[in-house]
Each structure stands twice: as C-alpha cells, then as structure tokens.
Protein backbone atom coordinates (compact mmCIF):
# COMPACT_ATOMS: atom_id res chain seq x y z
CA MET A 1 1.14 62.57 174.13
CA LYS A 2 4.20 61.67 176.19
CA LYS A 3 5.57 59.49 173.38
CA PHE A 4 5.06 62.32 170.88
CA GLY A 5 7.12 64.72 173.01
CA LEU A 6 9.83 62.11 173.44
CA PHE A 7 9.83 61.51 169.68
CA ILE A 8 10.27 65.22 168.93
CA LEU A 9 13.04 65.55 171.55
CA GLY A 10 14.76 62.45 170.17
CA LEU A 11 14.50 63.72 166.60
CA ILE A 12 16.03 67.08 167.50
CA ALA A 13 18.77 65.41 169.55
CA ALA A 14 19.57 63.01 166.70
CA VAL A 15 19.89 65.85 164.19
CA VAL A 16 22.16 67.81 166.55
CA LEU A 17 24.26 64.71 167.21
CA ILE A 18 24.69 63.94 163.51
CA ALA A 19 25.52 67.57 162.75
CA ASN A 20 28.24 67.59 165.41
CA LEU A 21 29.89 64.24 164.70
CA GLY A 22 32.87 65.94 163.03
CA PRO A 23 33.75 68.17 166.00
CA MET A 24 33.21 65.23 168.34
CA MET A 25 35.72 63.14 166.36
CA LEU A 26 38.20 66.01 166.52
CA MET A 27 37.71 66.18 170.29
CA LEU A 28 38.38 62.44 170.47
CA LEU A 29 41.53 62.97 168.41
CA GLY A 30 42.55 65.71 170.84
CA LEU A 31 42.10 63.30 173.75
CA VAL A 32 44.30 60.73 172.00
CA ILE A 33 46.97 63.37 171.35
CA LEU A 34 46.72 64.55 174.95
CA TYR A 35 47.22 60.98 176.17
CA GLY A 36 50.32 60.65 173.98
CA VAL A 37 51.67 63.99 175.21
CA TRP A 38 51.16 62.92 178.83
CA LYS A 39 53.05 59.68 178.20
CA GLN A 40 55.91 61.67 176.63
CA VAL A 41 56.02 64.10 179.57
CA VAL A 42 56.30 61.22 182.01
CA LYS A 43 58.94 59.49 179.88
CA ALA A 44 61.05 62.61 179.17
CA THR A 45 64.31 63.00 181.08
CA SER A 46 65.29 66.58 180.31
CA SER A 47 63.43 69.58 181.62
CA PHE A 48 63.30 71.14 178.16
CA LYS A 49 61.43 68.16 176.70
CA LYS A 50 59.03 68.14 179.63
CA ALA A 51 58.33 71.86 179.19
CA ALA A 52 57.90 71.49 175.42
CA PHE A 53 55.44 68.63 175.80
CA ALA A 54 53.62 70.50 178.57
CA VAL A 55 53.18 73.51 176.27
CA LEU A 56 51.92 71.19 173.53
CA GLY A 57 49.50 69.64 176.03
CA VAL A 58 48.17 73.06 177.04
CA ILE A 59 47.63 73.95 173.38
CA VAL A 60 45.69 70.72 172.84
CA ILE A 61 43.59 71.32 175.97
CA LEU A 62 42.76 74.86 174.85
CA SER A 63 41.77 73.65 171.39
CA MET A 64 39.51 71.04 172.96
CA ILE A 65 37.87 73.63 175.21
CA ALA A 66 37.30 75.89 172.20
CA ASN A 67 35.53 73.04 170.42
CA VAL A 68 32.05 74.11 171.58
CA PRO A 69 30.03 72.18 168.95
CA ALA A 70 31.45 68.94 170.32
CA PHE A 71 29.97 69.78 173.71
CA PHE A 72 26.58 70.28 172.03
CA GLY A 73 27.00 66.87 170.41
CA ILE A 74 27.76 65.29 173.78
CA LEU A 75 24.65 66.93 175.26
CA ALA A 76 22.61 65.61 172.32
CA ALA A 77 23.93 62.10 172.97
CA ILE A 78 22.90 62.40 176.62
CA ALA A 79 19.46 63.61 175.52
CA LEU A 80 19.12 60.62 173.19
CA TYR A 81 19.99 58.29 176.06
CA PHE A 82 17.36 60.03 178.20
CA VAL A 83 14.75 59.62 175.46
CA TYR A 84 15.67 55.94 175.02
CA THR A 85 15.33 55.17 178.71
CA LYS A 86 12.06 57.08 179.07
CA TRP A 87 10.61 55.53 175.91
CA ASN A 88 10.99 52.01 177.28
CA ASP A 89 9.96 52.98 180.80
CA ASN A 90 6.71 51.46 181.95
CA ASP A 91 4.92 53.86 184.24
CA MET A 92 2.59 51.38 185.81
CA LYS A 93 1.44 53.00 188.99
CA GLU A 94 -0.07 50.87 191.67
CA ILE A 95 -3.70 51.77 192.03
CA LYS A 96 -4.91 51.68 195.57
CA THR A 97 -8.39 50.39 195.82
CA GLU A 98 -9.75 51.57 199.10
CA ASP A 99 -12.73 49.96 200.67
CA PRO A 100 -15.31 52.70 201.32
CA PHE A 101 -16.26 51.03 204.59
CA GLN A 102 -12.65 50.90 205.84
CA ASN A 103 -12.72 54.57 206.79
CA PHE A 104 -15.94 53.99 208.73
CA GLU A 105 -14.37 51.03 210.53
CA ASN A 106 -11.33 53.12 211.49
CA GLN A 107 -13.50 55.93 212.81
CA TRP A 108 -15.69 53.47 214.71
CA THR A 109 -12.68 51.95 216.47
CA GLU A 110 -11.41 55.44 217.33
CA LEU A 111 -14.79 56.34 218.84
CA ASN A 112 -14.86 53.13 220.85
CA LYS A 113 -11.35 53.82 222.19
CA GLN A 114 -12.30 57.34 223.24
CA SER A 115 -15.50 56.35 224.98
CA TYR A 116 -13.78 54.02 227.48
C-alpha cells in the first residue's frame, strides 16, 4: 500500500514537473541574465551604468518572482526526489525477541534485593 501511494505521488509530481518545464527554463534564463547583469554592475565605472544595470537587475528579479509555475515545478522536482528516496528505502525494523522468563528473572532479583 505504501508503494502505491508513492507511485501516485510520483506520477502527479512527474506530470506537474513536465507541465512546468517551460517556466523553469525561463527562470533559469533569468538567473543567467541576472548573473550577467551583476558582472556588468561590478565592472561598470560610471554611476549611470551601474544604476541602469541595477534597474535591469530589479526587473529581472521581479519577473522571476512573478514566475509562479516555475516554483510549482521546483516543488514537483523535490517531491520526485522524496518519492525516489522513499521508494528505495528499506524499512527493516529490528524485531526484539524478548524471553518471557527474562521479566520473571528481573522481578526475582528485585525481590531478593528488597528482602535483604
């Protein structure tokens, strides 16, 4: 039953990830542009160029924040990673086999300690 739930979650996450690949690529393009803008701001000598590149950087950041489907795609990728790790996880719990007479032995030693 656990594998079935993981399969359904993985299937939904895969569909969401595939549906949001386009916005995720645009977000990646925005990160590349933002990196280039940052390099130009650092390299610029005049204040006007620095301000112009800073404004361009703010515009790129705002467009990346407005790209909500890409965030859903990132969450779907995280969910797929979760499903992958849980699918291959072996939940082998150590079974304690308790001797039924061990409890009696412990109580007997306690009684002997109290009687002296």
